[in-house]
């Protein structure tokens, strides 16, 4: 059992030290606990949010690809033909101008 000394100054000093130690210990413990808890919570929240976002994005992308599989390829094909026709038309018109100038 811990006995406090009879001298009031020493007694006050011991009480002050004990209060300081308890306050410091509690502050440290709470800070550590809160930091750990917040870190865990934020990590969990960010992981959940990223997973949800990626899942949603991939699902949307796959659904779009499966429901419109030819849209992009047809558009690209028609653009290729349109551009080739435009180039051929320009060539033909350029060649006929050259032929007329001779």
PDB file of N, CA and C in Angstrom:
ATOM      1  N   UNK A   1       0.834  -1.175   0.000  1.00  0.00           N
ATOM      2  CA  UNK A   1       0.000   0.000   0.000  1.00  0.00           C
ATOM      3  C   UNK A   1       0.886   1.249   0.000  1.00  0.00           C
ATOM      4  N   UNK A   2       0.467   2.241  -0.753  1.00  0.00           N
ATOM      5  CA  UNK A   2       1.247   3.462  -0.880  1.00  0.00           C
ATOM      6  C   UNK A   2       0.784   4.469   0.175  1.00  0.00           C
ATOM      7  N   UNK A   3       1.702   4.955   0.987  1.00  0.00           N
ATOM      8  CA  UNK A   3       1.364   5.949   2.012  1.00  0.00           C
ATOM      9  C   UNK A   3       1.958   7.292   1.632  1.00  0.00           C
ATOM     10  N   UNK A   4       1.123   8.310   1.660  1.00  0.00           N
ATOM     11  CA  UNK A   4       1.619   9.650   1.382  1.00  0.00           C
ATOM     12  C   UNK A   4       2.379  10.183   2.595  1.00  0.00           C
ATOM     13  N   UNK A   5       3.451  10.916   2.380  1.00  0.00           N
ATOM     14  CA  UNK A   5       4.189  11.475   3.512  1.00  0.00           C
ATOM     15  C   UNK A   5       3.350  12.503   4.277  1.00  0.00           C
ATOM     16  N   UNK A   6       3.774  12.751   5.535  1.00  0.00           N
ATOM     17  CA  UNK A   6       2.997  13.680   6.368  1.00  0.00           C
ATOM     18  C   UNK A   6       3.306  15.143   6.062  1.00  0.00           C
ATOM     19  N   UNK A   7       4.435  15.407   5.492  1.00  0.00           N
ATOM     20  CA  UNK A   7       4.798  16.789   5.173  1.00  0.00           C
ATOM     21  C   UNK A   7       3.871  17.296   4.063  1.00  0.00           C
ATOM     22  N   UNK A   8       3.118  18.403   4.294  1.00  0.00           N
ATOM     23  CA  UNK A   8       2.148  18.881   3.298  1.00  0.00           C
ATOM     24  C   UNK A   8       2.793  19.216   1.940  1.00  0.00           C
ATOM     25  N   UNK A   9       3.997  19.758   1.961  1.00  0.00           N
ATOM     26  CA  UNK A   9       4.653  20.111   0.700  1.00  0.00           C
ATOM     27  C   UNK A   9       4.955  18.851  -0.122  1.00  0.00           C
ATOM     28  N   UNK A  10       5.529  17.857   0.564  1.00  0.00           N
ATOM     29  CA  UNK A  10       5.852  16.589  -0.105  1.00  0.00           C
ATOM     30  C   UNK A  10       4.564  15.917  -0.564  1.00  0.00           C
ATOM     31  N   UNK A  11       3.553  15.973   0.265  1.00  0.00           N
ATOM     32  CA  UNK A  11       2.253  15.379  -0.081  1.00  0.00           C
ATOM     33  C   UNK A  11       1.694  16.058  -1.334  1.00  0.00           C
ATOM     34  N   UNK A  12       1.752  17.381  -1.365  1.00  0.00           N
ATOM     35  CA  UNK A  12       1.274  18.143  -2.523  1.00  0.00           C
ATOM     36  C   UNK A  12       2.079  17.788  -3.772  1.00  0.00           C
ATOM     37  N   UNK A  13       3.370  17.654  -3.593  1.00  0.00           N
ATOM     38  CA  UNK A  13       4.251  17.315  -4.707  1.00  0.00           C
ATOM     39  C   UNK A  13       3.919  15.934  -5.269  1.00  0.00           C
ATOM     40  N   UNK A  14       3.697  14.978  -4.382  1.00  0.00           N
ATOM     41  CA  UNK A  14       3.334  13.620  -4.820  1.00  0.00           C
ATOM     42  C   UNK A  14       1.986  13.621  -5.540  1.00  0.00           C
ATOM     43  N   UNK A  15       1.047  14.364  -4.970  1.00  0.00           N
ATOM     44  CA  UNK A  15      -0.285  14.442  -5.595  1.00  0.00           C
ATOM     45  C   UNK A  15      -0.175  15.068  -6.978  1.00  0.00           C
ATOM     46  N   UNK A  16       0.597  16.141  -7.046  1.00  0.00           N
ATOM     47  CA  UNK A  16       0.810  16.825  -8.318  1.00  0.00           C
ATOM     48  C   UNK A  16       1.448  15.871  -9.336  1.00  0.00           C
ATOM     49  N   UNK A  17       2.451  15.124  -8.916  1.00  0.00           N
ATOM     50  CA  UNK A  17       3.124  14.160  -9.800  1.00  0.00           C
ATOM     51  C   UNK A  17       2.169  13.078 -10.273  1.00  0.00           C
ATOM     52  N   UNK A  18       1.364  12.581  -9.354  1.00  0.00           N
ATOM     53  CA  UNK A  18       0.398  11.533  -9.723  1.00  0.00           C
ATOM     54  C   UNK A  18      -0.628  12.061 -10.714  1.00  0.00           C
ATOM     55  N   UNK A  19      -1.129  13.259 -10.447  1.00  0.00           N
ATOM     56  CA  UNK A  19      -2.108  13.864 -11.372  1.00  0.00           C
ATOM     57  C   UNK A  19      -1.467  14.080 -12.742  1.00  0.00           C
ATOM     58  N   UNK A  20      -0.236  14.577 -12.734  1.00  0.00           N
ATOM     59  CA  UNK A  20       0.479  14.805 -13.998  1.00  0.00           C
ATOM     60  C   UNK A  20       0.650  13.489 -14.757  1.00  0.00           C
ATOM     61  N   UNK A  21       1.116  12.463 -14.036  1.00  0.00           N
ATOM     62  CA  UNK A  21       1.333  11.159 -14.683  1.00  0.00           C
ATOM     63  C   UNK A  21       0.040  10.576 -15.231  1.00  0.00           C
ATOM     64  N   UNK A  22      -1.013  10.662 -14.427  1.00  0.00           N
ATOM     65  CA  UNK A  22      -2.302  10.132 -14.892  1.00  0.00           C
ATOM     66  C   UNK A  22      -2.821  10.923 -16.101  1.00  0.00           C
ATOM     67  N   UNK A  23      -2.727  12.233 -16.037  1.00  0.00           N
ATOM     68  CA  UNK A  23      -3.182  13.076 -17.149  1.00  0.00           C
ATOM     69  C   UNK A  23      -2.374  12.773 -18.405  1.00  0.00           C
ATOM     70  N   UNK A  24      -1.064  12.728 -18.244  1.00  0.00           N
ATOM     71  CA  UNK A  24      -0.180  12.447 -19.379  1.00  0.00           C
ATOM     72  C   UNK A  24      -0.478  11.074 -19.974  1.00  0.00           C
ATOM     73  N   UNK A  25      -0.620  10.100 -19.095  1.00  0.00           N
ATOM     74  CA  UNK A  25      -0.893   8.736 -19.538  1.00  0.00           C
ATOM     75  C   UNK A  25      -2.239   8.642 -20.259  1.00  0.00           C
ATOM     76  N   UNK A  26      -3.254   9.270 -19.678  1.00  0.00           N
ATOM     77  CA  UNK A  26      -4.573   9.248 -20.315  1.00  0.00           C
ATOM     78  C   UNK A  26      -4.555   9.983 -21.650  1.00  0.00           C
ATOM     79  N   UNK A  27      -3.901  11.131 -21.697  1.00  0.00           N
ATOM     80  CA  UNK A  27      -3.809  11.900 -22.943  1.00  0.00           C
ATOM     81  C   UNK A  27      -3.111  11.073 -24.014  1.00  0.00           C
ATOM     82  N   UNK A  28      -1.990  10.467 -23.631  1.00  0.00           N
ATOM     83  CA  UNK A  28      -1.242   9.642 -24.587  1.00  0.00           C
ATOM     84  C   UNK A  28      -2.092   8.474 -25.068  1.00  0.00           C
ATOM     85  N   UNK A  29      -2.735   7.814 -24.139  1.00  0.00           N
ATOM     86  CA  UNK A  29      -3.561   6.661 -24.471  1.00  0.00           C
ATOM     87  C   UNK A  29      -4.724   7.042 -25.382  1.00  0.00           C
ATOM     88  N   UNK A  30      -5.397   8.134 -25.038  1.00  0.00           N
ATOM     89  CA  UNK A  30      -6.521   8.579 -25.869  1.00  0.00           C
ATOM     90  C   UNK A  30      -6.058   9.022 -27.253  1.00  0.00           C
ATOM     91  N   UNK A  31      -4.952   9.748 -27.297  1.00  0.00           N
ATOM     92  CA  UNK A  31      -4.421  10.203 -28.590  1.00  0.00           C
ATOM     93  C   UNK A  31      -4.081   9.001 -29.464  1.00  0.00           C
ATOM     94  N   UNK A  32      -3.386   8.033 -28.873  1.00  0.00           N
ATOM     95  CA  UNK A  32      -3.018   6.832 -29.612  1.00  0.00           C
ATOM     96  C   UNK A  32      -4.265   6.091 -30.091  1.00  0.00           C
ATOM     97  N   UNK A  33      -5.217   5.928 -29.201  1.00  0.00           N
ATOM     98  CA  UNK A  33      -6.444   5.205 -29.520  1.00  0.00           C
ATOM     99  C   UNK A  33      -7.231   5.908 -30.619  1.00  0.00           C
ATOM    100  N   UNK A  34      -7.367   7.228 -30.481  1.00  0.00           N
ATOM    101  CA  UNK A  34      -8.113   7.985 -31.497  1.00  0.00           C
ATOM    102  C   UNK A  34      -7.398   7.968 -32.844  1.00  0.00           C
ATOM    103  N   UNK A  35      -6.088   8.125 -32.815  1.00  0.00           N
ATOM    104  CA  UNK A  35      -5.319   8.092 -34.065  1.00  0.00           C
ATOM    105  C   UNK A  35      -5.483   6.747 -34.746  1.00  0.00           C
ATOM    106  N   UNK A  36      -5.343   5.688 -33.970  1.00  0.00           N
ATOM    107  CA  UNK A  36      -5.490   4.343 -34.517  1.00  0.00           C
ATOM    108  C   UNK A  36      -6.896   4.147 -35.087  1.00  0.00           C
ATOM    109  N   UNK A  37      -7.878   4.559 -34.312  1.00  0.00           N
ATOM    110  CA  UNK A  37      -9.270   4.404 -34.725  1.00  0.00           C
ATOM    111  C   UNK A  37      -9.564   5.197 -35.997  1.00  0.00           C
ATOM    112  N   UNK A  38      -9.103   6.443 -36.032  1.00  0.00           N
ATOM    113  CA  UNK A  38      -9.333   7.274 -37.223  1.00  0.00           C
ATOM    114  C   UNK A  38      -8.614   6.709 -38.440  1.00  0.00           C
ATOM    115  N   UNK A  39      -7.383   6.277 -38.247  1.00  0.00           N
ATOM    116  CA  UNK A  39      -6.625   5.694 -39.355  1.00  0.00           C
ATOM    117  C   UNK A  39      -7.343   4.470 -39.898  1.00  0.00           C
ATOM    118  N   UNK A  40      -7.769   3.607 -38.982  1.00  0.00           N
ATOM    119  CA  UNK A  40      -8.488   2.394 -39.384  1.00  0.00           C
ATOM    120  C   UNK A  40      -9.775   2.755 -40.119  1.00  0.00           C
ATOM    121  N   UNK A  41     -10.506   3.702 -39.559  1.00  0.00           N
ATOM    122  CA  UNK A  41     -11.782   4.117 -40.142  1.00  0.00           C
ATOM    123  C   UNK A  41     -11.590   4.728 -41.529  1.00  0.00           C
ATOM    124  N   UNK A  42     -10.606   5.605 -41.657  1.00  0.00           N
ATOM    125  CA  UNK A  42     -10.346   6.231 -42.956  1.00  0.00           C
ATOM    126  C   UNK A  42      -9.878   5.213 -43.988  1.00  0.00           C
ATOM    127  N   UNK A  43      -9.000   4.324 -43.569  1.00  0.00           N
ATOM    128  CA  UNK A  43      -8.509   3.287 -44.487  1.00  0.00           C
ATOM    129  C   UNK A  43      -9.672   2.426 -44.963  1.00  0.00           C
ATOM    130  N   UNK A  44     -10.508   2.020 -44.022  1.00  0.00           N
ATOM    131  CA  UNK A  44     -11.667   1.195 -44.364  1.00  0.00           C
ATOM    132  C   UNK A  44     -12.593   1.947 -45.310  1.00  0.00           C
ATOM    133  N   UNK A  45     -12.859   3.207 -44.976  1.00  0.00           N
ATOM    134  CA  UNK A  45     -13.763   4.030 -45.780  1.00  0.00           C
ATOM    135  C   UNK A  45     -13.218   4.245 -47.193  1.00  0.00           C
ATOM    136  N   UNK A  46     -11.943   4.558 -47.298  1.00  0.00           N
ATOM    137  CA  UNK A  46     -11.338   4.775 -48.618  1.00  0.00           C
ATOM    138  C   UNK A  46     -11.312   3.487 -49.436  1.00  0.00           C
ATOM    139  N   UNK A  47     -10.971   2.395 -48.790  1.00  0.00           N
ATOM    140  CA  UNK A  47     -10.949   1.099 -49.486  1.00  0.00           C
ATOM    141  C   UNK A  47     -12.341   0.762 -49.999  1.00  0.00           C
ATOM    142  N   UNK A  48     -13.331   0.950 -49.133  1.00  0.00           N
ATOM    143  CA  UNK A  48     -14.710   0.662 -49.517  1.00  0.00           C
ATOM    144  C   UNK A  48     -15.137   1.559 -50.677  1.00  0.00           C
ATOM    145  N   UNK A  49     -14.827   2.843 -50.564  1.00  0.00           N
ATOM    146  CA  UNK A  49     -15.205   3.809 -51.585  1.00  0.00           C
ATOM    147  C   UNK A  49     -14.537   3.495 -52.928  1.00  0.00           C
ATOM    148  N   UNK A  50     -13.244   3.194 -52.896  1.00  0.00           N
ATOM    149  CA  UNK A  50     -12.527   2.862 -54.129  1.00  0.00           C
ATOM    150  C   UNK A  50     -13.054   1.576 -54.745  1.00  0.00           C
ATOM    151  N   UNK A  51     -13.286   0.577 -53.920  1.00  0.00           N
ATOM    152  CA  UNK A  51     -13.812  -0.697 -54.411  1.00  0.00           C
ATOM    153  C   UNK A  51     -15.170  -0.477 -55.068  1.00  0.00           C
ATOM    154  N   UNK A  52     -16.018   0.289 -54.384  1.00  0.00           N
ATOM    155  CA  UNK A  52     -17.355   0.572 -54.912  1.00  0.00           C
ATOM    156  C   UNK A  52     -17.252   1.313 -56.240  1.00  0.00           C
ATOM    157  N   UNK A  53     -16.408   2.314 -56.277  1.00  0.00           N
ATOM    158  CA  UNK A  53     -16.241   3.132 -57.478  1.00  0.00           C
ATOM    159  C   UNK A  53     -15.713   2.300 -58.649  1.00  0.00           C
ATOM    160  N   UNK A  54     -14.696   1.501 -58.390  1.00  0.00           N
ATOM    161  CA  UNK A  54     -14.134   0.658 -59.454  1.00  0.00           C
ATOM    162  C   UNK A  54     -15.133  -0.387 -59.932  1.00  0.00           C
ATOM    163  N   UNK A  55     -15.840  -0.996 -58.989  1.00  0.00           N
ATOM    164  CA  UNK A  55     -16.842  -1.997 -59.350  1.00  0.00           C
ATOM    165  C   UNK A  55     -17.922  -1.369 -60.212  1.00  0.00           C
ATOM    166  N   UNK A  56     -18.386  -0.194 -59.793  1.00  0.00           N
ATOM    167  CA  UNK A  56     -19.428   0.507 -60.548  1.00  0.00           C
ATOM    168  C   UNK A  56     -18.929   0.855 -61.947  1.00  0.00           C
ATOM    169  N   UNK A  57     -17.726   1.379 -62.018  1.00  0.00           N
ATOM    170  CA  UNK A  57     -17.150   1.780 -63.303  1.00  0.00           C
ATOM    171  C   UNK A  57     -16.972   0.586 -64.238  1.00  0.00           C
ATOM    172  N   UNK A  58     -16.426  -0.492 -63.701  1.00  0.00           N
ATOM    173  CA  UNK A  58     -16.219  -1.691 -64.520  1.00  0.00           C
ATOM    174  C   UNK A  58     -17.544  -2.298 -64.956  1.00  0.00           C
ATOM    175  N   UNK A  59     -18.515  -2.343 -64.050  1.00  0.00           N
ATOM    176  CA  UNK A  59     -19.832  -2.886 -64.393  1.00  0.00           C
ATOM    177  C   UNK A  59     -20.470  -2.062 -65.495  1.00  0.00           C
ATOM    178  N   UNK A  60     -20.381  -0.747 -65.342  1.00  0.00           N
ATOM    179  CA  UNK A  60     -20.955   0.154 -66.353  1.00  0.00           C
ATOM    180  C   UNK A  60     -20.265  -0.049 -67.702  1.00  0.00           C
ATOM    181  N   UNK A  61     -18.953  -0.131 -67.677  1.00  0.00           N
ATOM    182  CA  UNK A  61     -18.183  -0.302 -68.906  1.00  0.00           C
ATOM    183  C   UNK A  61     -18.497  -1.640 -69.579  1.00  0.00           C
ATOM    184  N   UNK A  62     -18.539  -2.694 -68.782  1.00  0.00           N
ATOM    185  CA  UNK A  62     -18.848  -4.013 -69.347  1.00  0.00           C
ATOM    186  C   UNK A  62     -20.274  -4.068 -69.883  1.00  0.00           C
ATOM    187  N   UNK A  63     -21.204  -3.509 -69.131  1.00  0.00           N
ATOM    188  CA  UNK A  63     -22.605  -3.497 -69.578  1.00  0.00           C
ATOM    189  C   UNK A  63     -22.723  -2.752 -70.895  1.00  0.00           C
ATOM    190  N   UNK A  64     -22.046  -1.621 -70.967  1.00  0.00           N
ATOM    191  CA  UNK A  64     -22.076  -0.819 -72.194  1.00  0.00           C
ATOM    192  C   UNK A  64     -21.476  -1.608 -73.359  1.00  0.00           C
ATOM    193  N   UNK A  65     -20.343  -2.250 -73.111  1.00  0.00           N
ATOM    194  CA  UNK A  65     -19.695  -3.040 -74.172  1.00  0.00           C
ATOM    195  C   UNK A  65     -20.565  -4.199 -74.631  1.00  0.00           C
ATOM    196  N   UNK A  66     -21.226  -4.845 -73.683  1.00  0.00           N
ATOM    197  CA  UNK A  66     -22.061  -5.998 -74.044  1.00  0.00           C
ATOM    198  C   UNK A  66     -23.350  -5.580 -74.744  1.00  0.00           C
ATOM    199  N   UNK A  67     -23.915  -4.434 -74.344  1.00  0.00           N
ATOM    200  CA  UNK A  67     -25.184  -4.021 -74.966  1.00  0.00           C
ATOM    201  C   UNK A  67     -24.965  -3.288 -76.279  1.00  0.00           C
ATOM    202  N   UNK A  68     -23.766  -2.716 -76.472  1.00  0.00           N
ATOM    203  CA  UNK A  68     -23.469  -2.021 -77.741  1.00  0.00           C
ATOM    204  C   UNK A  68     -22.144  -2.522 -78.308  1.00  0.00           C
ATOM    205  N   UNK A  69     -22.060  -3.804 -78.634  1.00  0.00           N
ATOM    206  CA  UNK A  69     -20.753  -4.342 -79.031  1.00  0.00           C
ATOM    207  C   UNK A  69     -20.239  -3.803 -80.367  1.00  0.00           C
ATOM    208  N   UNK A  70     -21.155  -3.464 -81.300  1.00  0.00           N
ATOM    209  CA  UNK A  70     -20.685  -3.091 -82.647  1.00  0.00           C
ATOM    210  C   UNK A  70     -20.659  -1.593 -82.869  1.00  0.00           C
ATOM    211  N   UNK A  71     -21.253  -0.846 -81.978  1.00  0.00           N
ATOM    212  CA  UNK A  71     -21.391   0.595 -82.201  1.00  0.00           C
ATOM    213  C   UNK A  71     -20.057   1.244 -82.523  1.00  0.00           C
ATOM    214  N   UNK A  72     -19.068   1.007 -81.667  1.00  0.00           N
ATOM    215  CA  UNK A  72     -17.786   1.677 -81.861  1.00  0.00           C
ATOM    216  C   UNK A  72     -17.063   1.177 -83.110  1.00  0.00           C
ATOM    217  N   UNK A  73     -17.092  -0.134 -83.324  1.00  0.00           N
ATOM    218  CA  UNK A  73     -16.381  -0.660 -84.487  1.00  0.00           C
ATOM    219  C   UNK A  73     -17.052  -0.202 -85.781  1.00  0.00           C
ATOM    220  N   UNK A  74     -18.386  -0.141 -85.782  1.00  0.00           N
ATOM    221  CA  UNK A  74     -19.081   0.335 -86.987  1.00  0.00           C
ATOM    222  C   UNK A  74     -18.787   1.807 -87.237  1.00  0.00           C
ATOM    223  N   UNK A  75     -18.788   2.575 -86.167  1.00  0.00           N
ATOM    224  CA  UNK A  75     -18.470   4.001 -86.322  1.00  0.00           C
ATOM    225  C   UNK A  75     -17.058   4.179 -86.854  1.00  0.00           C
ATOM    226  N   UNK A  76     -16.124   3.423 -86.326  1.00  0.00           N
ATOM    227  CA  UNK A  76     -14.742   3.519 -86.804  1.00  0.00           C
ATOM    228  C   UNK A  76     -14.634   3.096 -88.260  1.00  0.00           C
ATOM    229  N   UNK A  77     -15.342   2.015 -88.621  1.00  0.00           N
ATOM    230  CA  UNK A  77     -15.306   1.522 -89.995  1.00  0.00           C
ATOM    231  C   UNK A  77     -15.886   2.563 -90.949  1.00  0.00           C
ATOM    232  N   UNK A  78     -17.036   3.136 -90.568  1.00  0.00           N
ATOM    233  CA  UNK A  78     -17.640   4.128 -91.459  1.00  0.00           C
ATOM    234  C   UNK A  78     -16.762   5.365 -91.558  1.00  0.00           C
ATOM    235  N   UNK A  79     -16.092   5.738 -90.488  1.00  0.00           N
ATOM    236  CA  UNK A  79     -15.162   6.879 -90.536  1.00  0.00           C
ATOM    237  C   UNK A  79     -13.988   6.589 -91.459  1.00  0.00           C
ATOM    238  N   UNK A  80     -13.499   5.367 -91.413  1.00  0.00           N
ATOM    239  CA  UNK A  80     -12.376   4.989 -92.283  1.00  0.00           C
ATOM    240  C   UNK A  80     -12.807   5.091 -93.746  1.00  0.00           C
ATOM    241  N   UNK A  81     -13.996   4.523 -94.053  1.00  0.00           N
ATOM    242  CA  UNK A  81     -14.486   4.577 -95.433  1.00  0.00           C
ATOM    243  C   UNK A  81     -14.758   6.015 -95.860  1.00  0.00           C
ATOM    244  N   UNK A  82     -15.350   6.805 -94.952  1.00  0.00           N
ATOM    245  CA  UNK A  82     -15.660   8.203 -95.265  1.00  0.00           C
ATOM    246  C   UNK A  82     -14.363   8.962 -95.568  1.00  0.00           C
ATOM    247  N   UNK A  83     -13.338   8.762 -94.715  1.00  0.00           N
ATOM    248  CA  UNK A  83     -12.051   9.446 -94.929  1.00  0.00           C
ATOM    249  C   UNK A  83     -11.379   8.978 -96.219  1.00  0.00           C
ATOM    250  N   UNK A  84     -11.435   7.658 -96.487  1.00  0.00           N
ATOM    251  CA  UNK A  84     -10.821   7.130 -97.705  1.00  0.00           C
ATOM    252  C   UNK A  84     -11.530   7.704 -98.933  1.00  0.00           C
ATOM    253  N   UNK A  85     -12.848   7.769 -98.889  1.00  0.00           N
ATOM    254  CA  UNK A  85     -13.624   8.332-100.000  1.00  0.00           C
ATOM    255  C   UNK A  85     -13.265   9.794-100.209  1.00  0.00           C
ATOM    256  N   UNK A  86     -13.139  10.529 -99.115  1.00  0.00           N
ATOM    257  CA  UNK A  86     -12.777  11.942 -99.181  1.00  0.00           C
ATOM    258  C   UNK A  86     -11.401  12.113 -99.805  1.00  0.00           C
ATOM    259  N   UNK A  87     -10.448  11.260 -99.396  1.00  0.00           N
ATOM    260  CA  UNK A  87      -9.087  11.319 -99.968  1.00  0.00           C
ATOM    261  C   UNK A  87      -9.128  10.968-101.448  1.00  0.00           C
ATOM    262  N   UNK A  88      -9.856   9.883-101.793  1.00  0.00           N
ATOM    263  CA  UNK A  88      -9.972   9.478-103.202  1.00  0.00           C
ATOM    264  C   UNK A  88     -10.604  10.591-104.038  1.00  0.00           C
ATOM    265  N   UNK A  89     -11.633  11.246-103.502  1.00  0.00           N
ATOM    266  CA  UNK A  89     -12.312  12.338-104.214  1.00  0.00           C
ATOM    267  C   UNK A  89     -11.345  13.484-104.452  1.00  0.00           C
ATOM    268  N   UNK A  90     -10.585  13.825-103.457  1.00  0.00           N
ATOM    269  CA  UNK A  90      -9.607  14.910-103.605  1.00  0.00           C
ATOM    270  C   UNK A  90      -8.546  14.551-104.643  1.00  0.00           C
ATOM    271  N   UNK A  91      -8.092  13.284-104.606  1.00  0.00           N
ATOM    272  CA  UNK A  91      -7.082  12.834-105.570  1.00  0.00           C
ATOM    273  C   UNK A  91      -7.620  12.940-106.996  1.00  0.00           C
ATOM    274  N   UNK A  92      -8.848  12.436-107.192  1.00  0.00           N
ATOM    275  CA  UNK A  92      -9.482  12.446-108.501  1.00  0.00           C
ATOM    276  C   UNK A  92      -9.627  13.877-108.997  1.00  0.00           C
ATOM    277  N   UNK A  93     -10.102  14.738-108.111  1.00  0.00           N
ATOM    278  CA  UNK A  93     -10.308  16.125-108.518  1.00  0.00           C
ATOM    279  C   UNK A  93      -8.978  16.809-108.790  1.00  0.00           C
ATOM    280  N   UNK A  94      -7.954  16.476-108.048  1.00  0.00           N
ATOM    281  CA  UNK A  94      -6.622  17.038-108.271  1.00  0.00           C
ATOM    282  C   UNK A  94      -6.053  16.543-109.595  1.00  0.00           C
ATOM    283  N   UNK A  95      -6.224  15.241-109.860  1.00  0.00           N
ATOM    284  CA  UNK A  95      -5.729  14.654-111.110  1.00  0.00           C
ATOM    285  C   UNK A  95      -6.437  15.278-112.320  1.00  0.00           C
ATOM    286  N   UNK A  96      -7.749  15.507-112.220  1.00  0.00           N
ATOM    287  CA  UNK A  96      -8.476  16.068-113.368  1.00  0.00           C
ATOM    288  C   UNK A  96      -8.059  17.518-113.583  1.00  0.00           C
ATOM    289  N   UNK A  97      -7.734  18.256-112.521  1.00  0.00           N
ATOM    290  CA  UNK A  97      -7.244  19.633-112.685  1.00  0.00           C
ATOM    291  C   UNK A  97      -5.893  19.630-113.379  1.00  0.00           C
ATOM    292  N   UNK A  98      -5.028  18.659-112.962  1.00  0.00           N
ATOM    293  CA  UNK A  98      -3.711  18.557-113.603  1.00  0.00           C
ATOM    294  C   UNK A  98      -3.865  18.224-115.088  1.00  0.00           C
ATOM    295  N   UNK A  99      -4.794  17.333-115.410  1.00  0.00           N
ATOM    296  CA  UNK A  99      -5.017  16.924-116.797  1.00  0.00           C
ATOM    297  C   UNK A  99      -5.558  18.103-117.604  1.00  0.00           C
ATOM    298  N   UNK A 100      -6.403  18.907-117.029  1.00  0.00           N
ATOM    299  CA  UNK A 100      -6.983  20.060-117.722  1.00  0.00           C
ATOM    300  C   UNK A 100      -5.947  21.155-117.943  1.00  0.00           C
ATOM    301  N   UNK A 101      -4.988  21.255-117.045  1.00  0.00           N
ATOM    302  CA  UNK A 101      -4.001  22.328-117.177  1.00  0.00           C
ATOM    303  C   UNK A 101      -2.973  22.019-118.248  1.00  0.00           C
ATOM    304  N   UNK A 102      -2.853  20.764-118.642  1.00  0.00           N
ATOM    305  CA  UNK A 102      -1.853  20.402-119.669  1.00  0.00           C
ATOM    306  C   UNK A 102      -2.292  20.706-121.022  1.00  0.00           C
TER     307      UNK A 102
END
